[in-house]
Amino acid sequence: MYLHGLFAGATALIIIGLFHPVVIKGEYHFGKGIWPFFLISGLGLIAAACIIAQVYLSVFLGITGFTCIWTIKELFEQEKRVERGWFPRKSSRQEPRLPARKAA
């Protein structure tokens, strides 16, 4: 029986599930400015997945790498969720300035 597909699916589910709190906590503590870390990490993991011959390790690295890249988008989305009030804003971070309205 070949279990490569089951391993890949379970790995994807677990890694994506683990990255949800990483996005929330990362945006809360550091803001969206940590996106370059995820870009470099993701590209490095994807490159490593391309040169590793062992199937399970390559799958793990590839899924983790692409999840890091996806995390960049989610960081920017998380910032919007915080602005909407769906998640708390760190009190030490400055509030975004809204443009002044012109009197009609």
N, C-alpha and C. Protein backbone atom coordinates (compact mmCIF):
# COMPACT_ATOMS: atom_id res chain seq x y z
N MET A 1 0.85 -1.17 0.00
CA MET A 1 0.00 0.00 0.00
C MET A 1 0.90 1.25 0.00
N TYR A 2 0.52 2.24 -0.80
CA TYR A 2 1.28 3.48 -0.89
C TYR A 2 0.61 4.55 -0.03
N LEU A 3 1.36 5.07 0.89
CA LEU A 3 0.79 6.02 1.84
C LEU A 3 1.33 7.44 1.65
N HIS A 4 2.01 7.69 0.53
CA HIS A 4 2.60 9.02 0.31
C HIS A 4 1.51 10.11 0.30
N GLY A 5 0.41 9.84 -0.36
CA GLY A 5 -0.67 10.83 -0.43
C GLY A 5 -1.29 11.12 0.93
N LEU A 6 -1.49 10.06 1.72
CA LEU A 6 -2.04 10.27 3.06
C LEU A 6 -1.08 11.07 3.93
N PHE A 7 0.21 10.76 3.81
CA PHE A 7 1.21 11.51 4.57
C PHE A 7 1.19 12.98 4.16
N ALA A 8 1.14 13.25 2.85
CA ALA A 8 1.13 14.63 2.37
C ALA A 8 -0.11 15.38 2.86
N GLY A 9 -1.27 14.73 2.81
CA GLY A 9 -2.49 15.38 3.27
C GLY A 9 -2.48 15.67 4.76
N ALA A 10 -2.06 14.69 5.54
CA ALA A 10 -1.99 14.89 6.99
C ALA A 10 -0.96 15.95 7.35
N THR A 11 0.17 15.94 6.64
CA THR A 11 1.21 16.94 6.88
C THR A 11 0.69 18.34 6.58
N ALA A 12 0.00 18.49 5.44
CA ALA A 12 -0.55 19.80 5.08
C ALA A 12 -1.55 20.28 6.13
N LEU A 13 -2.43 19.40 6.57
CA LEU A 13 -3.43 19.77 7.57
C LEU A 13 -2.77 20.23 8.87
N ILE A 14 -1.79 19.49 9.32
CA ILE A 14 -1.12 19.82 10.59
C ILE A 14 -0.34 21.12 10.47
N ILE A 15 0.43 21.28 9.39
CA ILE A 15 1.26 22.49 9.24
C ILE A 15 0.39 23.73 9.10
N ILE A 16 -0.65 23.67 8.28
CA ILE A 16 -1.53 24.82 8.12
C ILE A 16 -2.22 25.14 9.45
N GLY A 17 -2.63 24.12 10.17
CA GLY A 17 -3.24 24.34 11.48
C GLY A 17 -2.29 24.99 12.46
N LEU A 18 -1.01 24.61 12.41
CA LEU A 18 -0.02 25.21 13.30
C LEU A 18 0.30 26.66 12.93
N PHE A 19 0.15 27.00 11.66
CA PHE A 19 0.49 28.35 11.23
C PHE A 19 -0.61 29.37 11.53
N HIS A 20 -1.84 28.93 11.79
CA HIS A 20 -2.90 29.89 12.15
C HIS A 20 -2.54 30.70 13.39
N PRO A 21 -2.15 30.07 14.50
CA PRO A 21 -1.77 30.88 15.65
C PRO A 21 -0.48 31.67 15.42
N VAL A 22 0.39 31.18 14.55
CA VAL A 22 1.62 31.92 14.23
C VAL A 22 1.26 33.25 13.57
N VAL A 23 0.30 33.24 12.66
CA VAL A 23 -0.14 34.48 12.00
C VAL A 23 -0.73 35.44 13.03
N ILE A 24 -1.60 34.93 13.89
CA ILE A 24 -2.28 35.79 14.86
C ILE A 24 -1.28 36.38 15.85
N LYS A 25 -0.43 35.54 16.43
CA LYS A 25 0.55 36.02 17.41
C LYS A 25 1.62 36.88 16.76
N GLY A 26 2.05 36.50 15.55
CA GLY A 26 3.08 37.27 14.85
C GLY A 26 2.61 38.68 14.54
N GLU A 27 1.38 38.81 14.03
CA GLU A 27 0.85 40.13 13.73
C GLU A 27 0.64 40.92 15.01
N TYR A 28 0.19 40.28 16.06
CA TYR A 28 -0.06 40.95 17.32
C TYR A 28 1.23 41.53 17.91
N HIS A 29 2.29 40.73 17.94
CA HIS A 29 3.53 41.15 18.60
C HIS A 29 4.44 41.99 17.69
N PHE A 30 4.45 41.70 16.39
CA PHE A 30 5.43 42.34 15.50
C PHE A 30 4.81 43.13 14.37
N GLY A 31 3.53 42.98 14.12
CA GLY A 31 2.89 43.65 13.00
C GLY A 31 3.19 42.92 11.70
N LYS A 32 2.74 43.51 10.60
CA LYS A 32 2.94 42.85 9.31
C LYS A 32 4.37 42.97 8.81
N GLY A 33 5.19 43.71 9.53
CA GLY A 33 6.58 43.93 9.12
C GLY A 33 7.46 42.70 9.18
N ILE A 34 6.94 41.59 9.69
CA ILE A 34 7.76 40.37 9.74
C ILE A 34 7.63 39.54 8.48
N TRP A 35 6.93 40.06 7.46
CA TRP A 35 6.73 39.28 6.25
C TRP A 35 8.03 38.88 5.56
N PRO A 36 9.12 39.69 5.58
CA PRO A 36 10.36 39.22 4.92
C PRO A 36 10.92 37.94 5.54
N PHE A 37 10.72 37.75 6.84
CA PHE A 37 11.16 36.51 7.49
C PHE A 37 10.46 35.31 6.86
N PHE A 38 9.16 35.43 6.63
CA PHE A 38 8.41 34.32 6.05
C PHE A 38 8.77 34.12 4.58
N LEU A 39 9.08 35.20 3.88
CA LEU A 39 9.50 35.07 2.48
C LEU A 39 10.82 34.31 2.38
N ILE A 40 11.80 34.73 3.15
CA ILE A 40 13.12 34.08 3.11
C ILE A 40 13.02 32.63 3.58
N SER A 41 12.27 32.40 4.66
CA SER A 41 12.09 31.04 5.17
C SER A 41 11.40 30.17 4.14
N GLY A 42 10.34 30.68 3.55
CA GLY A 42 9.58 29.92 2.57
C GLY A 42 10.41 29.55 1.36
N LEU A 43 11.13 30.53 0.82
CA LEU A 43 11.97 30.25 -0.36
C LEU A 43 13.08 29.26 -0.03
N GLY A 44 13.65 29.39 1.16
CA GLY A 44 14.70 28.45 1.57
C GLY A 44 14.17 27.03 1.73
N LEU A 45 13.00 26.90 2.32
CA LEU A 45 12.40 25.57 2.50
C LEU A 45 11.99 24.95 1.17
N ILE A 46 11.48 25.77 0.26
CA ILE A 46 11.11 25.26 -1.06
C ILE A 46 12.36 24.81 -1.82
N ALA A 47 13.42 25.60 -1.73
CA ALA A 47 14.68 25.21 -2.38
C ALA A 47 15.21 23.90 -1.80
N ALA A 48 15.14 23.77 -0.48
CA ALA A 48 15.60 22.54 0.16
C ALA A 48 14.74 21.35 -0.26
N ALA A 49 13.44 21.56 -0.41
CA ALA A 49 12.55 20.48 -0.85
C ALA A 49 12.90 20.00 -2.25
N CYS A 50 13.42 20.91 -3.07
CA CYS A 50 13.78 20.54 -4.45
C CYS A 50 15.05 19.70 -4.51
N ILE A 51 15.91 19.79 -3.52
CA ILE A 51 17.19 19.06 -3.61
C ILE A 51 17.25 17.84 -2.69
N ILE A 52 16.27 17.70 -1.79
CA ILE A 52 16.24 16.55 -0.88
C ILE A 52 15.63 15.36 -1.62
N ALA A 53 16.30 14.23 -1.59
CA ALA A 53 15.83 13.05 -2.31
C ALA A 53 14.81 12.24 -1.51
N GLN A 54 14.84 12.33 -0.19
CA GLN A 54 13.94 11.55 0.65
C GLN A 54 12.52 12.12 0.53
N VAL A 55 11.58 11.30 0.11
CA VAL A 55 10.25 11.76 -0.25
C VAL A 55 9.53 12.44 0.90
N TYR A 56 9.47 11.82 2.05
CA TYR A 56 8.70 12.38 3.17
C TYR A 56 9.28 13.71 3.64
N LEU A 57 10.57 13.80 3.73
CA LEU A 57 11.20 15.05 4.15
C LEU A 57 10.98 16.15 3.11
N SER A 58 11.08 15.79 1.84
CA SER A 58 10.85 16.75 0.78
C SER A 58 9.42 17.28 0.80
N VAL A 59 8.46 16.39 1.00
CA VAL A 59 7.05 16.80 1.10
C VAL A 59 6.86 17.73 2.29
N PHE A 60 7.41 17.37 3.43
CA PHE A 60 7.30 18.20 4.64
C PHE A 60 7.88 19.59 4.40
N LEU A 61 9.08 19.65 3.81
CA LEU A 61 9.73 20.94 3.56
C LEU A 61 8.95 21.77 2.54
N GLY A 62 8.46 21.11 1.50
CA GLY A 62 7.71 21.82 0.48
C GLY A 62 6.42 22.42 1.02
N ILE A 63 5.68 21.63 1.76
CA ILE A 63 4.42 22.13 2.33
C ILE A 63 4.69 23.25 3.33
N THR A 64 5.71 23.10 4.14
CA THR A 64 6.05 24.15 5.10
C THR A 64 6.51 25.42 4.38
N GLY A 65 7.28 25.27 3.32
CA GLY A 65 7.74 26.42 2.55
C GLY A 65 6.59 27.20 1.92
N PHE A 66 5.68 26.48 1.27
CA PHE A 66 4.55 27.17 0.66
C PHE A 66 3.60 27.74 1.71
N THR A 67 3.52 27.13 2.86
CA THR A 67 2.71 27.69 3.94
C THR A 67 3.34 28.99 4.45
N CYS A 68 4.66 29.05 4.50
CA CYS A 68 5.33 30.31 4.88
C CYS A 68 5.00 31.42 3.88
N ILE A 69 5.00 31.09 2.60
CA ILE A 69 4.66 32.09 1.57
C ILE A 69 3.20 32.53 1.75
N TRP A 70 2.31 31.60 1.99
CA TRP A 70 0.90 31.92 2.20
C TRP A 70 0.71 32.78 3.45
N THR A 71 1.56 32.59 4.44
CA THR A 71 1.48 33.34 5.69
C THR A 71 1.66 34.83 5.44
N ILE A 72 2.42 35.21 4.43
CA ILE A 72 2.61 36.63 4.11
C ILE A 72 1.26 37.27 3.80
N LYS A 73 0.47 36.62 2.96
CA LYS A 73 -0.86 37.13 2.63
C LYS A 73 -1.73 37.20 3.88
N GLU A 74 -1.65 36.17 4.70
CA GLU A 74 -2.48 36.12 5.91
C GLU A 74 -2.09 37.20 6.92
N LEU A 75 -0.81 37.58 6.97
CA LEU A 75 -0.40 38.68 7.86
C LEU A 75 -1.10 39.97 7.49
N PHE A 76 -1.17 40.26 6.19
CA PHE A 76 -1.83 41.48 5.74
C PHE A 76 -3.35 41.38 5.97
N GLU A 77 -3.91 40.20 5.77
CA GLU A 77 -5.33 40.00 6.06
C GLU A 77 -5.60 40.13 7.56
N GLN A 78 -4.69 39.63 8.38
CA GLN A 78 -4.86 39.71 9.83
C GLN A 78 -4.86 41.16 10.29
N GLU A 79 -4.04 41.99 9.66
CA GLU A 79 -4.04 43.41 10.01
C GLU A 79 -5.42 44.02 9.75
N LYS A 80 -6.05 43.63 8.64
CA LYS A 80 -7.40 44.12 8.35
C LYS A 80 -8.41 43.61 9.38
N ARG A 81 -8.24 42.37 9.81
CA ARG A 81 -9.15 41.81 10.82
C ARG A 81 -9.02 42.57 12.13
N VAL A 82 -7.80 42.96 12.47
CA VAL A 82 -7.57 43.73 13.70
C VAL A 82 -8.22 45.10 13.57
N GLU A 83 -8.09 45.73 12.40
CA GLU A 83 -8.71 47.05 12.20
C GLU A 83 -10.23 46.98 12.31
N ARG A 84 -10.80 45.86 11.91
CA ARG A 84 -12.25 45.67 12.01
C ARG A 84 -12.70 45.36 13.44
N GLY A 85 -11.74 45.07 14.31
CA GLY A 85 -12.07 44.77 15.69
C GLY A 85 -12.31 43.29 15.97
N TRP A 86 -11.99 42.44 15.01
CA TRP A 86 -12.21 41.00 15.19
C TRP A 86 -11.16 40.39 16.10
N PHE A 87 -9.98 41.01 16.17
CA PHE A 87 -8.88 40.54 17.01
C PHE A 87 -8.32 41.74 17.77
N PRO A 88 -7.73 41.53 18.94
CA PRO A 88 -7.22 42.66 19.72
C PRO A 88 -5.97 43.27 19.09
N ARG A 89 -5.81 44.58 19.29
CA ARG A 89 -4.62 45.30 18.85
C ARG A 89 -3.69 45.43 20.05
N LYS A 90 -2.41 45.25 19.83
CA LYS A 90 -1.45 45.42 20.90
C LYS A 90 -1.44 46.88 21.32
N SER A 91 -1.59 47.13 22.60
CA SER A 91 -1.75 48.50 23.09
C SER A 91 -0.51 49.36 22.87
N SER A 92 0.67 48.77 22.80
CA SER A 92 1.88 49.58 22.62
C SER A 92 2.08 50.02 21.17
N ARG A 93 1.30 49.46 20.24
CA ARG A 93 1.41 49.84 18.84
C ARG A 93 0.50 51.03 18.59
N GLN A 94 0.95 51.96 17.76
CA GLN A 94 0.15 53.15 17.49
C GLN A 94 -1.05 52.80 16.63
N GLU A 95 -2.13 53.52 16.87
CA GLU A 95 -3.34 53.37 16.07
C GLU A 95 -3.08 53.95 14.68
N PRO A 96 -3.65 53.36 13.64
CA PRO A 96 -3.49 53.96 12.31
C PRO A 96 -4.24 55.27 12.24
N ARG A 97 -3.65 56.22 11.57
CA ARG A 97 -4.29 57.55 11.45
C ARG A 97 -5.25 57.53 10.28
N LEU A 98 -6.45 57.98 10.56
CA LEU A 98 -7.45 58.08 9.50
C LEU A 98 -7.36 59.46 8.88
N PRO A 99 -7.61 59.55 7.57
CA PRO A 99 -7.55 60.87 6.93
C PRO A 99 -8.67 61.76 7.46
N ALA A 100 -8.38 63.05 7.56
CA ALA A 100 -9.36 64.00 8.06
C ALA A 100 -10.47 64.17 7.04
N ARG A 101 -11.70 64.27 7.53
CA ARG A 101 -12.85 64.46 6.65
C ARG A 101 -13.04 65.95 6.38
N LYS A 102 -13.40 66.24 5.16
CA LYS A 102 -13.68 67.63 4.80
C LYS A 102 -15.11 67.96 5.17
N ALA A 103 -15.30 69.16 5.68
CA ALA A 103 -16.65 69.60 6.04
C ALA A 103 -17.43 69.89 4.76
N ALA A 104 -18.67 69.46 4.71
CA ALA A 104 -19.49 69.66 3.50
C ALA A 104 -20.17 70.98 3.49
